[in-house]
Amino acid sequence: MKANVYSLLKAKFLVSDDSLKNWKFIVFLIVLAMIMIANNHRYDAKNYRITELTNEVKELRSKFVDTRSDLMKLKMESTITTKMEARGIRPSEVPPQKIKVLKTEEKGIVNKLWQ
């Protein structure tokens, strides 16, 4: 038991005659660990990007709501009336009347010939 631990500490399994299979396995483990680390970094980067985009969406949504409420205030008749009074334009006190246009039918060449 003591000899096995001692040979492991001296890393004799890396320099012995059949050490090629050990080196292949060690290289495989190192490559696998590097792939796992790279995958973890990629996952973290995606999470940060998702968080950034979520915050940006919240910010843009609140900006949209503020702009929409400002637009609603600007579209109100009282707001328009006060802004136009500064220019000397007042709302009409006489209600509008509907104008009807009667369409006169023009006679074509065929209708003129038959008369």
PDB file of N, CA and C in Angstrom:
ATOM      1  N   MET A   1       0.836  -1.192   0.000  1.00  0.00           N
ATOM      2  CA  MET A   1       0.000   0.000   0.000  1.00  0.00           C
ATOM      3  C   MET A   1       0.878   1.252   0.000  1.00  0.00           C
ATOM      4  N   LYS A   2       1.917   1.217   0.852  1.00  0.00           N
ATOM      5  CA  LYS A   2       2.805   2.359   0.956  1.00  0.00           C
ATOM      6  C   LYS A   2       3.576   2.557  -0.355  1.00  0.00           C
ATOM      7  N   ALA A   3       3.946   1.475  -0.984  1.00  0.00           N
ATOM      8  CA  ALA A   3       4.686   1.544  -2.245  1.00  0.00           C
ATOM      9  C   ALA A   3       3.810   2.116  -3.357  1.00  0.00           C
ATOM     10  N   ASN A   4       2.524   1.760  -3.367  1.00  0.00           N
ATOM     11  CA  ASN A   4       1.606   2.285  -4.389  1.00  0.00           C
ATOM     12  C   ASN A   4       1.424   3.788  -4.242  1.00  0.00           C
ATOM     13  N   VAL A   5       1.257   4.260  -3.026  1.00  0.00           N
ATOM     14  CA  VAL A   5       1.090   5.697  -2.782  1.00  0.00           C
ATOM     15  C   VAL A   5       2.382   6.424  -3.143  1.00  0.00           C
ATOM     16  N   TYR A   6       3.508   5.814  -2.800  1.00  0.00           N
ATOM     17  CA  TYR A   6       4.794   6.432  -3.100  1.00  0.00           C
ATOM     18  C   TYR A   6       5.020   6.525  -4.610  1.00  0.00           C
ATOM     19  N   SER A   7       4.652   5.480  -5.366  1.00  0.00           N
ATOM     20  CA  SER A   7       4.820   5.510  -6.825  1.00  0.00           C
ATOM     21  C   SER A   7       3.841   6.502  -7.460  1.00  0.00           C
ATOM     22  N   LEU A   8       2.685   6.688  -6.879  1.00  0.00           N
ATOM     23  CA  LEU A   8       1.718   7.667  -7.375  1.00  0.00           C
ATOM     24  C   LEU A   8       2.246   9.086  -7.157  1.00  0.00           C
ATOM     25  N   LEU A   9       2.846   9.342  -5.992  1.00  0.00           N
ATOM     26  CA  LEU A   9       3.402  10.663  -5.715  1.00  0.00           C
ATOM     27  C   LEU A   9       4.600  10.969  -6.611  1.00  0.00           C
ATOM     28  N   LYS A  10       5.366   9.961  -6.959  1.00  0.00           N
ATOM     29  CA  LYS A  10       6.503  10.164  -7.844  1.00  0.00           C
ATOM     30  C   LYS A  10       6.082  10.230  -9.302  1.00  0.00           C
ATOM     31  N   ALA A  11       4.817   9.945  -9.603  1.00  0.00           N
ATOM     32  CA  ALA A  11       4.229   9.957 -10.951  1.00  0.00           C
ATOM     33  C   ALA A  11       4.936   8.974 -11.866  1.00  0.00           C
ATOM     34  N   LYS A  12       5.172   7.778 -11.345  1.00  0.00           N
ATOM     35  CA  LYS A  12       5.803   6.736 -12.156  1.00  0.00           C
ATOM     36  C   LYS A  12       4.871   6.268 -13.264  1.00  0.00           C
ATOM     37  N   PHE A  13       3.575   6.441 -13.092  1.00  0.00           N
ATOM     38  CA  PHE A  13       2.626   6.002 -14.130  1.00  0.00           C
ATOM     39  C   PHE A  13       2.743   6.863 -15.392  1.00  0.00           C
ATOM     40  N   LEU A  14       3.428   8.012 -15.287  1.00  0.00           N
ATOM     41  CA  LEU A  14       3.602   8.871 -16.453  1.00  0.00           C
ATOM     42  C   LEU A  14       4.888   8.586 -17.222  1.00  0.00           C
ATOM     43  N   VAL A  15       5.840   7.916 -16.574  1.00  0.00           N
ATOM     44  CA  VAL A  15       7.132   7.662 -17.221  1.00  0.00           C
ATOM     45  C   VAL A  15       7.409   6.176 -17.432  1.00  0.00           C
ATOM     46  N   SER A  16       6.510   5.322 -17.081  1.00  0.00           N
ATOM     47  CA  SER A  16       6.725   3.884 -17.258  1.00  0.00           C
ATOM     48  C   SER A  16       6.583   3.507 -18.731  1.00  0.00           C
ATOM     49  N   ASP A  17       6.773   2.235 -19.048  1.00  0.00           N
ATOM     50  CA  ASP A  17       6.755   1.781 -20.439  1.00  0.00           C
ATOM     51  C   ASP A  17       5.364   1.903 -21.072  1.00  0.00           C
ATOM     52  N   ASP A  18       4.304   1.642 -20.334  1.00  0.00           N
ATOM     53  CA  ASP A  18       2.937   1.711 -20.885  1.00  0.00           C
ATOM     54  C   ASP A  18       2.241   3.035 -20.519  1.00  0.00           C
ATOM     55  N   SER A  19       3.035   4.091 -20.439  1.00  0.00           N
ATOM     56  CA  SER A  19       2.481   5.384 -20.014  1.00  0.00           C
ATOM     57  C   SER A  19       1.714   6.110 -21.125  1.00  0.00           C
ATOM     58  N   LEU A  20       1.824   5.648 -22.379  1.00  0.00           N
ATOM     59  CA  LEU A  20       1.143   6.323 -23.488  1.00  0.00           C
ATOM     60  C   LEU A  20      -0.376   6.328 -23.298  1.00  0.00           C
ATOM     61  N   LYS A  21      -0.932   5.213 -22.857  1.00  0.00           N
ATOM     62  CA  LYS A  21      -2.381   5.174 -22.633  1.00  0.00           C
ATOM     63  C   LYS A  21      -2.781   6.100 -21.480  1.00  0.00           C
ATOM     64  N   ASN A  22      -1.922   6.255 -20.482  1.00  0.00           N
ATOM     65  CA  ASN A  22      -2.208   7.179 -19.382  1.00  0.00           C
ATOM     66  C   ASN A  22      -2.181   8.624 -19.869  1.00  0.00           C
ATOM     67  N   TRP A  23      -1.185   8.934 -20.725  1.00  0.00           N
ATOM     68  CA  TRP A  23      -1.095  10.299 -21.256  1.00  0.00           C
ATOM     69  C   TRP A  23      -2.310  10.637 -22.125  1.00  0.00           C
ATOM     70  N   LYS A  24      -2.750   9.680 -22.933  1.00  0.00           N
ATOM     71  CA  LYS A  24      -3.942   9.912 -23.760  1.00  0.00           C
ATOM     72  C   LYS A  24      -5.155  10.218 -22.892  1.00  0.00           C
ATOM     73  N   PHE A  25      -5.309   9.457 -21.823  1.00  0.00           N
ATOM     74  CA  PHE A  25      -6.457   9.671 -20.937  1.00  0.00           C
ATOM     75  C   PHE A  25      -6.356  11.018 -20.229  1.00  0.00           C
ATOM     76  N   ILE A  26      -5.157  11.413 -19.811  1.00  0.00           N
ATOM     77  CA  ILE A  26      -4.954  12.698 -19.135  1.00  0.00           C
ATOM     78  C   ILE A  26      -5.251  13.851 -20.096  1.00  0.00           C
ATOM     79  N   VAL A  27      -4.772  13.723 -21.332  1.00  0.00           N
ATOM     80  CA  VAL A  27      -5.053  14.765 -22.331  1.00  0.00           C
ATOM     81  C   VAL A  27      -6.559  14.840 -22.597  1.00  0.00           C
ATOM     82  N   PHE A  28      -7.206  13.683 -22.680  1.00  0.00           N
ATOM     83  CA  PHE A  28      -8.665  13.667 -22.867  1.00  0.00           C
ATOM     84  C   PHE A  28      -9.372  14.382 -21.716  1.00  0.00           C
ATOM     85  N   LEU A  29      -8.948  14.132 -20.487  1.00  0.00           N
ATOM     86  CA  LEU A  29      -9.563  14.792 -19.327  1.00  0.00           C
ATOM     87  C   LEU A  29      -9.329  16.306 -19.356  1.00  0.00           C
ATOM     88  N   ILE A  30      -8.136  16.727 -19.767  1.00  0.00           N
ATOM     89  CA  ILE A  30      -7.824  18.155 -19.840  1.00  0.00           C
ATOM     90  C   ILE A  30      -8.696  18.836 -20.898  1.00  0.00           C
ATOM     91  N   VAL A  31      -8.822  18.204 -22.071  1.00  0.00           N
ATOM     92  CA  VAL A  31      -9.668  18.768 -23.136  1.00  0.00           C
ATOM     93  C   VAL A  31     -11.122  18.835 -22.683  1.00  0.00           C
ATOM     94  N   LEU A  32     -11.582  17.800 -22.033  1.00  0.00           N
ATOM     95  CA  LEU A  32     -12.954  17.777 -21.527  1.00  0.00           C
ATOM     96  C   LEU A  32     -13.181  18.883 -20.492  1.00  0.00           C
ATOM     97  N   ALA A  33     -12.216  19.097 -19.619  1.00  0.00           N
ATOM     98  CA  ALA A  33     -12.325  20.170 -18.621  1.00  0.00           C
ATOM     99  C   ALA A  33     -12.351  21.535 -19.295  1.00  0.00           C
ATOM    100  N   MET A  34     -11.501  21.721 -20.334  1.00  0.00           N
ATOM    101  CA  MET A  34     -11.499  23.007 -21.047  1.00  0.00           C
ATOM    102  C   MET A  34     -12.835  23.251 -21.750  1.00  0.00           C
ATOM    103  N   ILE A  35     -13.415  22.203 -22.330  1.00  0.00           N
ATOM    104  CA  ILE A  35     -14.732  22.349 -22.976  1.00  0.00           C
ATOM    105  C   ILE A  35     -15.794  22.723 -21.952  1.00  0.00           C
ATOM    106  N   MET A  36     -15.735  22.097 -20.785  1.00  0.00           N
ATOM    107  CA  MET A  36     -16.708  22.419 -19.739  1.00  0.00           C
ATOM    108  C   MET A  36     -16.558  23.862 -19.262  1.00  0.00           C
ATOM    109  N   ILE A  37     -15.332  24.326 -19.100  1.00  0.00           N
ATOM    110  CA  ILE A  37     -15.091  25.707 -18.667  1.00  0.00           C
ATOM    111  C   ILE A  37     -15.579  26.690 -19.719  1.00  0.00           C
ATOM    112  N   ALA A  38     -15.279  26.402 -20.995  1.00  0.00           N
ATOM    113  CA  ALA A  38     -15.736  27.288 -22.076  1.00  0.00           C
ATOM    114  C   ALA A  38     -17.262  27.321 -22.141  1.00  0.00           C
ATOM    115  N   ASN A  39     -17.894  26.177 -21.967  1.00  0.00           N
ATOM    116  CA  ASN A  39     -19.350  26.103 -21.982  1.00  0.00           C
ATOM    117  C   ASN A  39     -19.947  26.905 -20.829  1.00  0.00           C
ATOM    118  N   ASN A  40     -19.309  26.834 -19.672  1.00  0.00           N
ATOM    119  CA  ASN A  40     -19.785  27.581 -18.504  1.00  0.00           C
ATOM    120  C   ASN A  40     -19.661  29.092 -18.745  1.00  0.00           C
ATOM    121  N   HIS A  41     -18.558  29.525 -19.344  1.00  0.00           N
ATOM    122  CA  HIS A  41     -18.375  30.949 -19.647  1.00  0.00           C
ATOM    123  C   HIS A  41     -19.418  31.427 -20.656  1.00  0.00           C
ATOM    124  N   ARG A  42     -19.678  30.614 -21.663  1.00  0.00           N
ATOM    125  CA  ARG A  42     -20.679  30.968 -22.668  1.00  0.00           C
ATOM    126  C   ARG A  42     -22.070  31.087 -22.026  1.00  0.00           C
ATOM    127  N   TYR A  43     -22.393  30.173 -21.124  1.00  0.00           N
ATOM    128  CA  TYR A  43     -23.675  30.203 -20.417  1.00  0.00           C
ATOM    129  C   TYR A  43     -23.799  31.485 -19.585  1.00  0.00           C
ATOM    130  N   ASP A  44     -22.735  31.844 -18.877  1.00  0.00           N
ATOM    131  CA  ASP A  44     -22.758  33.073 -18.074  1.00  0.00           C
ATOM    132  C   ASP A  44     -22.916  34.312 -18.952  1.00  0.00           C
ATOM    133  N   ALA A  45     -22.219  34.335 -20.089  1.00  0.00           N
ATOM    134  CA  ALA A  45     -22.334  35.486 -20.994  1.00  0.00           C
ATOM    135  C   ALA A  45     -23.757  35.622 -21.519  1.00  0.00           C
ATOM    136  N   LYS A  46     -24.392  34.506 -21.837  1.00  0.00           N
ATOM    137  CA  LYS A  46     -25.786  34.561 -22.310  1.00  0.00           C
ATOM    138  C   LYS A  46     -26.714  35.049 -21.203  1.00  0.00           C
ATOM    139  N   ASN A  47     -26.461  34.609 -19.984  1.00  0.00           N
ATOM    140  CA  ASN A  47     -27.294  35.072 -18.869  1.00  0.00           C
ATOM    141  C   ASN A  47     -27.156  36.572 -18.660  1.00  0.00           C
ATOM    142  N   TYR A  48     -25.932  37.092 -18.746  1.00  0.00           N
ATOM    143  CA  TYR A  48     -25.734  38.539 -18.602  1.00  0.00           C
ATOM    144  C   TYR A  48     -26.433  39.289 -19.723  1.00  0.00           C
ATOM    145  N   ARG A  49     -26.350  38.771 -20.934  1.00  0.00           N
ATOM    146  CA  ARG A  49     -27.004  39.418 -22.081  1.00  0.00           C
ATOM    147  C   ARG A  49     -28.523  39.413 -21.919  1.00  0.00           C
ATOM    148  N   ILE A  50     -29.073  38.309 -21.447  1.00  0.00           N
ATOM    149  CA  ILE A  50     -30.521  38.232 -21.217  1.00  0.00           C
ATOM    150  C   ILE A  50     -30.940  39.231 -20.159  1.00  0.00           C
ATOM    151  N   THR A  51     -30.158  39.362 -19.102  1.00  0.00           N
ATOM    152  CA  THR A  51     -30.460  40.327 -18.052  1.00  0.00           C
ATOM    153  C   THR A  51     -30.407  41.752 -18.590  1.00  0.00           C
ATOM    154  N   GLU A  52     -29.398  42.051 -19.406  1.00  0.00           N
ATOM    155  CA  GLU A  52     -29.295  43.393 -20.011  1.00  0.00           C
ATOM    156  C   GLU A  52     -30.506  43.688 -20.876  1.00  0.00           C
ATOM    157  N   LEU A  53     -30.877  42.731 -21.712  1.00  0.00           N
ATOM    158  CA  LEU A  53     -32.015  42.945 -22.611  1.00  0.00           C
ATOM    159  C   LEU A  53     -33.326  43.076 -21.841  1.00  0.00           C
ATOM    160  N   THR A  54     -33.476  42.329 -20.762  1.00  0.00           N
ATOM    161  CA  THR A  54     -34.682  42.431 -19.946  1.00  0.00           C
ATOM    162  C   THR A  54     -34.787  43.817 -19.323  1.00  0.00           C
ATOM    163  N   ASN A  55     -33.672  44.312 -18.815  1.00  0.00           N
ATOM    164  CA  ASN A  55     -33.676  45.662 -18.236  1.00  0.00           C
ATOM    165  C   ASN A  55     -33.959  46.708 -19.302  1.00  0.00           C
ATOM    166  N   GLU A  56     -33.400  46.522 -20.496  1.00  0.00           N
ATOM    167  CA  GLU A  56     -33.640  47.473 -21.582  1.00  0.00           C
ATOM    168  C   GLU A  56     -35.105  47.470 -22.004  1.00  0.00           C
ATOM    169  N   VAL A  57     -35.713  46.286 -22.047  1.00  0.00           N
ATOM    170  CA  VAL A  57     -37.138  46.188 -22.397  1.00  0.00           C
ATOM    171  C   VAL A  57     -37.988  46.899 -21.356  1.00  0.00           C
ATOM    172  N   LYS A  58     -37.667  46.708 -20.079  1.00  0.00           N
ATOM    173  CA  LYS A  58     -38.425  47.392 -19.022  1.00  0.00           C
ATOM    174  C   LYS A  58     -38.292  48.901 -19.146  1.00  0.00           C
ATOM    175  N   GLU A  59     -37.078  49.361 -19.437  1.00  0.00           N
ATOM    176  CA  GLU A  59     -36.840  50.792 -19.573  1.00  0.00           C
ATOM    177  C   GLU A  59     -37.593  51.362 -20.773  1.00  0.00           C
ATOM    178  N   LEU A  60     -37.544  50.662 -21.895  1.00  0.00           N
ATOM    179  CA  LEU A  60     -38.240  51.137 -23.092  1.00  0.00           C
ATOM    180  C   LEU A  60     -39.755  51.097 -22.909  1.00  0.00           C
ATOM    181  N   ARG A  61     -40.258  50.098 -22.184  1.00  0.00           N
ATOM    182  CA  ARG A  61     -41.697  50.015 -21.939  1.00  0.00           C
ATOM    183  C   ARG A  61     -42.160  51.185 -21.079  1.00  0.00           C
ATOM    184  N   SER A  62     -41.378  51.533 -20.056  1.00  0.00           N
ATOM    185  CA  SER A  62     -41.764  52.667 -19.212  1.00  0.00           C
ATOM    186  C   SER A  62     -41.675  53.973 -20.003  1.00  0.00           C
ATOM    187  N   LYS A  63     -40.677  54.098 -20.871  1.00  0.00           N
ATOM    188  CA  LYS A  63     -40.577  55.278 -21.726  1.00  0.00           C
ATOM    189  C   LYS A  63     -41.773  55.365 -22.676  1.00  0.00           C
ATOM    190  N   PHE A  64     -42.197  54.221 -23.211  1.00  0.00           N
ATOM    191  CA  PHE A  64     -43.366  54.177 -24.084  1.00  0.00           C
ATOM    192  C   PHE A  64     -44.626  54.625 -23.345  1.00  0.00           C
ATOM    193  N   VAL A  65     -44.800  54.141 -22.127  1.00  0.00           N
ATOM    194  CA  VAL A  65     -45.989  54.510 -21.348  1.00  0.00           C
ATOM    195  C   VAL A  65     -45.974  56.007 -21.048  1.00  0.00           C
ATOM    196  N   ASP A  66     -44.812  56.555 -20.698  1.00  0.00           N
ATOM    197  CA  ASP A  66     -44.710  57.996 -20.430  1.00  0.00           C
ATOM    198  C   ASP A  66     -45.028  58.809 -21.681  1.00  0.00           C
ATOM    199  N   THR A  67     -44.478  58.397 -22.803  1.00  0.00           N
ATOM    200  CA  THR A  67     -44.719  59.118 -24.053  1.00  0.00           C
ATOM    201  C   THR A  67     -46.181  59.026 -24.459  1.00  0.00           C
ATOM    202  N   ARG A  68     -46.782  57.862 -24.271  1.00  0.00           N
ATOM    203  CA  ARG A  68     -48.197  57.701 -24.615  1.00  0.00           C
ATOM    204  C   ARG A  68     -49.081  58.569 -23.731  1.00  0.00           C
ATOM    205  N   SER A  69     -48.767  58.661 -22.445  1.00  0.00           N
ATOM    206  CA  SER A  69     -49.567  59.512 -21.563  1.00  0.00           C
ATOM    207  C   SER A  69     -49.392  60.992 -21.928  1.00  0.00           C
ATOM    208  N   ASP A  70     -48.157  61.390 -22.303  1.00  0.00           N
ATOM    209  CA  ASP A  70     -47.944  62.774 -22.761  1.00  0.00           C
ATOM    210  C   ASP A  70     -48.744  63.049 -24.024  1.00  0.00           C
ATOM    211  N   LEU A  71     -48.783  62.098 -24.937  1.00  0.00           N
ATOM    212  CA  LEU A  71     -49.548  62.263 -26.172  1.00  0.00           C
ATOM    213  C   LEU A  71     -51.037  62.394 -25.873  1.00  0.00           C
ATOM    214  N   MET A  72     -51.532  61.600 -24.948  1.00  0.00           N
ATOM    215  CA  MET A  72     -52.955  61.677 -24.585  1.00  0.00           C
ATOM    216  C   MET A  72     -53.281  63.056 -24.006  1.00  0.00           C
ATOM    217  N   LYS A  73     -52.369  63.597 -23.214  1.00  0.00           N
ATOM    218  CA  LYS A  73     -52.592  64.937 -22.665  1.00  0.00           C
ATOM    219  C   LYS A  73     -52.580  65.984 -23.774  1.00  0.00           C
ATOM    220  N   LEU A  74     -51.675  65.828 -24.743  1.00  0.00           N
ATOM    221  CA  LEU A  74     -51.594  66.795 -25.836  1.00  0.00           C
ATOM    222  C   LEU A  74     -52.807  66.724 -26.760  1.00  0.00           C
ATOM    223  N   LYS A  75     -53.438  65.568 -26.868  1.00  0.00           N
ATOM    224  CA  LYS A  75     -54.584  65.405 -27.754  1.00  0.00           C
ATOM    225  C   LYS A  75     -55.885  65.910 -27.133  1.00  0.00           C
ATOM    226  N   MET A  76     -55.880  66.192 -25.843  1.00  0.00           N
ATOM    227  CA  MET A  76     -57.103  66.649 -25.189  1.00  0.00           C
ATOM    228  C   MET A  76     -57.507  68.020 -25.735  1.00  0.00           C
ATOM    229  N   GLU A  77     -58.821  68.224 -25.850  1.00  0.00           N
ATOM    230  CA  GLU A  77     -59.339  69.464 -26.431  1.00  0.00           C
ATOM    231  C   GLU A  77     -58.945  70.678 -25.596  1.00  0.00           C
ATOM    232  N   SER A  78     -58.941  70.529 -24.289  1.00  0.00           N
ATOM    233  CA  SER A  78     -58.608  71.669 -23.435  1.00  0.00           C
ATOM    234  C   SER A  78     -57.153  72.107 -23.644  1.00  0.00           C
ATOM    235  N   THR A  79     -56.237  71.152 -23.817  1.00  0.00           N
ATOM    236  CA  THR A  79     -54.836  71.489 -24.054  1.00  0.00           C
ATOM    237  C   THR A  79     -54.677  72.203 -25.393  1.00  0.00           C
ATOM    238  N   ILE A  80     -55.346  71.684 -26.402  1.00  0.00           N
ATOM    239  CA  ILE A  80     -55.271  72.306 -27.728  1.00  0.00           C
ATOM    240  C   ILE A  80     -55.857  73.709 -27.686  1.00  0.00           C
ATOM    241  N   THR A  81     -56.965  73.872 -26.971  1.00  0.00           N
ATOM    242  CA  THR A  81     -57.610  75.187 -26.877  1.00  0.00           C
ATOM    243  C   THR A  81     -56.688  76.206 -26.224  1.00  0.00           C
ATOM    244  N   THR A  82     -56.037  75.828 -25.133  1.00  0.00           N
ATOM    245  CA  THR A  82     -55.150  76.773 -24.444  1.00  0.00           C
ATOM    246  C   THR A  82     -53.942  77.131 -25.310  1.00  0.00           C
ATOM    247  N   LYS A  83     -53.415  76.172 -26.076  1.00  0.00           N
ATOM    248  CA  LYS A  83     -52.267  76.464 -26.933  1.00  0.00           C
ATOM    249  C   LYS A  83     -52.665  77.338 -28.120  1.00  0.00           C
ATOM    250  N   MET A  84     -53.858  77.157 -28.634  1.00  0.00           N
ATOM    251  CA  MET A  84     -54.300  77.947 -29.783  1.00  0.00           C
ATOM    252  C   MET A  84     -54.743  79.358 -29.377  1.00  0.00           C
ATOM    253  N   GLU A  85     -55.164  79.539 -28.136  1.00  0.00           N
ATOM    254  CA  GLU A  85     -55.548  80.872 -27.671  1.00  0.00           C
ATOM    255  C   GLU A  85     -54.348  81.811 -27.666  1.00  0.00           C
ATOM    256  N   ALA A  86     -53.172  81.262 -27.444  1.00  0.00           N
ATOM    257  CA  ALA A  86     -51.962  82.085 -27.476  1.00  0.00           C
ATOM    258  C   ALA A  86     -51.711  82.617 -28.887  1.00  0.00           C
ATOM    259  N   ARG A  87     -52.168  81.917 -29.892  1.00  0.00           N
ATOM    260  CA  ARG A  87     -52.014  82.350 -31.285  1.00  0.00           C
ATOM    261  C   ARG A  87     -53.225  83.148 -31.775  1.00  0.00           C
ATOM    262  N   GLY A  88     -54.218  83.246 -30.955  1.00  0.00           N
ATOM    263  CA  GLY A  88     -55.402  84.021 -31.328  1.00  0.00           C
ATOM    264  C   GLY A  88     -56.480  83.183 -32.001  1.00  0.00           C
ATOM    265  N   ILE A  89     -56.390  81.891 -31.920  1.00  0.00           N
ATOM    266  CA  ILE A  89     -57.396  81.003 -32.520  1.00  0.00           C
ATOM    267  C   ILE A  89     -58.258  80.437 -31.401  1.00  0.00           C
ATOM    268  N   ARG A  90     -59.582  80.641 -31.566  1.00  0.00           N
ATOM    269  CA  ARG A  90     -60.521  80.138 -30.570  1.00  0.00           C
ATOM    270  C   ARG A  90     -61.440  79.104 -31.216  1.00  0.00           C
ATOM    271  N   PRO A  91     -62.012  78.228 -30.435  1.00  0.00           N
ATOM    272  CA  PRO A  91     -62.951  77.266 -31.004  1.00  0.00           C
ATOM    273  C   PRO A  91     -64.235  77.975 -31.442  1.00  0.00           C
ATOM    274  N   SER A  92     -64.847  77.458 -32.469  1.00  0.00           N
ATOM    275  CA  SER A  92     -66.062  78.057 -33.018  1.00  0.00           C
ATOM    276  C   SER A  92     -67.234  77.830 -32.066  1.00  0.00           C
ATOM    277  N   GLU A  93     -68.059  78.856 -31.920  1.00  0.00           N
ATOM    278  CA  GLU A  93     -69.260  78.727 -31.075  1.00  0.00           C
ATOM    279  C   GLU A  93     -70.435  78.234 -31.894  1.00  0.00           C
ATOM    280  N   VAL A  94     -70.330  78.340 -33.210  1.00  0.00           N
ATOM    281  CA  VAL A  94     -71.393  77.874 -34.099  1.00  0.00           C
ATOM    282  C   VAL A  94     -71.046  76.445 -34.518  1.00  0.00           C
ATOM    283  N   PRO A  95     -71.994  75.530 -34.348  1.00  0.00           N
ATOM    284  CA  PRO A  95     -71.685  74.149 -34.726  1.00  0.00           C
ATOM    285  C   PRO A  95     -71.551  74.021 -36.251  1.00  0.00           C
ATOM    286  N   PRO A  96     -70.787  73.087 -36.707  1.00  0.00           N
ATOM    287  CA  PRO A  96     -70.599  72.917 -38.151  1.00  0.00           C
ATOM    288  C   PRO A  96     -71.870  72.396 -38.819  1.00  0.00           C
ATOM    289  N   GLN A  97     -72.035  72.735 -40.090  1.00  0.00           N
ATOM    290  CA  GLN A  97     -73.188  72.268 -40.854  1.00  0.00           C
ATOM    291  C   GLN A  97     -72.687  71.315 -41.925  1.00  0.00           C
ATOM    292  N   LYS A  98     -73.543  70.380 -42.226  1.00  0.00           N
ATOM    293  CA  LYS A  98     -73.181  69.389 -43.219  1.00  0.00           C
ATOM    294  C   LYS A  98     -73.467  69.951 -44.610  1.00  0.00           C
ATOM    295  N   ILE A  99     -72.526  69.833 -45.497  1.00  0.00           N
ATOM    296  CA  ILE A  99     -72.672  70.327 -46.861  1.00  0.00           C
ATOM    297  C   ILE A  99     -72.943  69.136 -47.757  1.00  0.00           C
ATOM    298  N   LYS A 100     -74.051  69.236 -48.527  1.00  0.00           N
ATOM    299  CA  LYS A 100     -74.398  68.169 -49.453  1.00  0.00           C
ATOM    300  C   LYS A 100     -74.104  68.642 -50.865  1.00  0.00           C
ATOM    301  N   VAL A 101     -73.386  67.846 -51.592  1.00  0.00           N
ATOM    302  CA  VAL A 101     -73.061  68.158 -52.979  1.00  0.00           C
ATOM    303  C   VAL A 101     -73.880  67.222 -53.850  1.00  0.00           C
ATOM    304  N   LEU A 102     -74.730  67.824 -54.701  1.00  0.00           N
ATOM    305  CA  LEU A 102     -75.525  67.012 -55.600  1.00  0.00           C
ATOM    306  C   LEU A 102     -74.740  66.776 -56.874  1.00  0.00           C
ATOM    307  N   LYS A 103     -74.680  65.566 -57.248  1.00  0.00           N
ATOM    308  CA  LYS A 103     -73.891  65.201 -58.410  1.00  0.00           C
ATOM    309  C   LYS A 103     -74.781  65.292 -59.647  1.00  0.00           C
ATOM    310  N   THR A 104     -74.392  66.122 -60.591  1.00  0.00           N
ATOM    311  CA  THR A 104     -75.162  66.234 -61.829  1.00  0.00           C
ATOM    312  C   THR A 104     -74.614  65.213 -62.808  1.00  0.00           C
ATOM    313  N   GLU A 105     -75.539  64.544 -63.421  1.00  0.00           N
ATOM    314  CA  GLU A 105     -75.146  63.483 -64.328  1.00  0.00           C
ATOM    315  C   GLU A 105     -74.919  64.066 -65.716  1.00  0.00           C
ATOM    316  N   GLU A 106     -73.740  63.885 -66.215  1.00  0.00           N
ATOM    317  CA  GLU A 106     -73.442  64.409 -67.541  1.00  0.00           C
ATOM    318  C   GLU A 106     -73.836  63.389 -68.584  1.00  0.00           C
ATOM    319  N   LYS A 107     -74.366  63.898 -69.664  1.00  0.00           N
ATOM    320  CA  LYS A 107     -74.818  63.013 -70.715  1.00  0.00           C
ATOM    321  C   LYS A 107     -73.640  62.675 -71.622  1.00  0.00           C
ATOM    322  N   GLY A 108     -73.524  61.423 -71.924  1.00  0.00           N
ATOM    323  CA  GLY A 108     -72.454  60.988 -72.811  1.00  0.00           C
ATOM    324  C   GLY A 108     -72.847  61.196 -74.270  1.00  0.00           C
ATOM    325  N   ILE A 109     -71.976  60.836 -75.158  1.00  0.00           N
ATOM    326  CA  ILE A 109     -72.193  61.011 -76.596  1.00  0.00           C
ATOM    327  C   ILE A 109     -73.360  60.150 -77.058  1.00  0.00           C
ATOM    328  N   VAL A 110     -73.486  58.961 -76.548  1.00  0.00           N
ATOM    329  CA  VAL A 110     -74.556  58.051 -76.945  1.00  0.00           C
ATOM    330  C   VAL A 110     -75.906  58.616 -76.510  1.00  0.00           C
ATOM    331  N   ASN A 111     -75.984  59.151 -75.287  1.00  0.00           N
ATOM    332  CA  ASN A 111     -77.239  59.726 -74.793  1.00  0.00           C
ATOM    333  C   ASN A 111     -77.614  60.964 -75.594  1.00  0.00           C
ATOM    334  N   LYS A 112     -76.684  61.754 -76.036  1.00  0.00           N
ATOM    335  CA  LYS A 112     -76.980  62.948 -76.827  1.00  0.00           C
ATOM    336  C   LYS A 112     -77.501  62.582 -78.207  1.00  0.00           C
ATOM    337  N   LEU A 113     -77.018  61.515 -78.773  1.00  0.00           N
ATOM    338  CA  LEU A 113     -77.476  61.079 -80.085  1.00  0.00           C
ATOM    339  C   LEU A 113     -78.909  60.576 -80.052  1.00  0.00           C
ATOM    340  N   TRP A 114     -79.326  59.946 -78.998  1.00  0.00           N
ATOM    341  CA  TRP A 114     -80.664  59.372 -78.909  1.00  0.00           C
ATOM    342  C   TRP A 114     -81.712  60.419 -78.597  1.00  0.00           C
ATOM    343  N   GLN A 115     -81.339  61.603 -78.258  1.00  0.00           N
ATOM    344  CA  GLN A 115     -82.339  62.618 -77.936  1.00  0.00           C
ATOM    345  C   GLN A 115     -82.786  63.349 -79.139  1.00  0.00           C
TER     346      GLN A 115
END
